[in-house]
Amino acid sequence: MLEKSDDAKHNDEPPATETPSAERSPLPGEPGFKAPLTEKQAKRANQTIKGMIISTALTILVVIPVILLNPANRQHEYNDRVNVEEIAKQTKETLDFDAIAPDLPEGWYVNYARWNPGTADGVAFWDLGVVIRDEAFAAVKQTDKANDSWVTLATDGSVPTGKKHNVDGTEWTERATGGKGDNARTSWVAKINGFTYVITMKNDVAEHLPEVAQNIQKSAP
């Protein structure tokens, strides 16, 4: 029996299979290569992310109280009643503004109390609605940053009438919008202890202005 030669033996062996090389990461200069961050770069990136998180959290903390203090605008209804003392306290604690919470006579009440951030003209103010025995309504505004433009806006575009009214030693300047019916309004403006107060009423109930002014003066911070 013939023996196979060494060459024949080798030819009978199955060919060796090539092991595919494992995929490698791109090298510098190759497409897709990303240089690893240095220790300083990594630290800087972490600080940036932390700063963004803190900034977002602070923004939320500022915005939420303002939203809570500014309910959606709606037509004032005499039967609405709010706890003006509680809302004024929240405003003081949240915004560091000494908001007035008037101590009103029997039959008077506040039907809205809110903080207006002054997005239109940059003058923020405290805004109240005072109902007088369910027969008259007075809009009361208070700010510590009043200017002539704000007073005009706060009084529905009124102009000074030249009249002044003295209520228990405090001088109030009168302004009027002109017009007729519901568009005719009278406003009184005074500065008390660093705050400017504006009281606005329709002309047909404007006889209550001295009473409202007196109650504002008694409760002014």
Foldseek 3Di string as FASTA:
>chain_A
DDDDDPVVVVVPDDDDDDDDDDDDQDDPPDPPDDDDDDPVRVVVVVVVVVVVVVVVVVVCLLVVLQPVQDDDDDDQDPPAADDQVVSQVSCCVRVVDNDFDFDDDPLKGWRHWGWACCPPNRWIWIWIWMQHNVPWIKIKIKGLDDDPVVVCVVAVNWDWPPDWDAAPRWIWTKTWDDDDDPRTKIWTWGDDPSMIMIIITHPVPCVCVSVVVNRCNVRPD
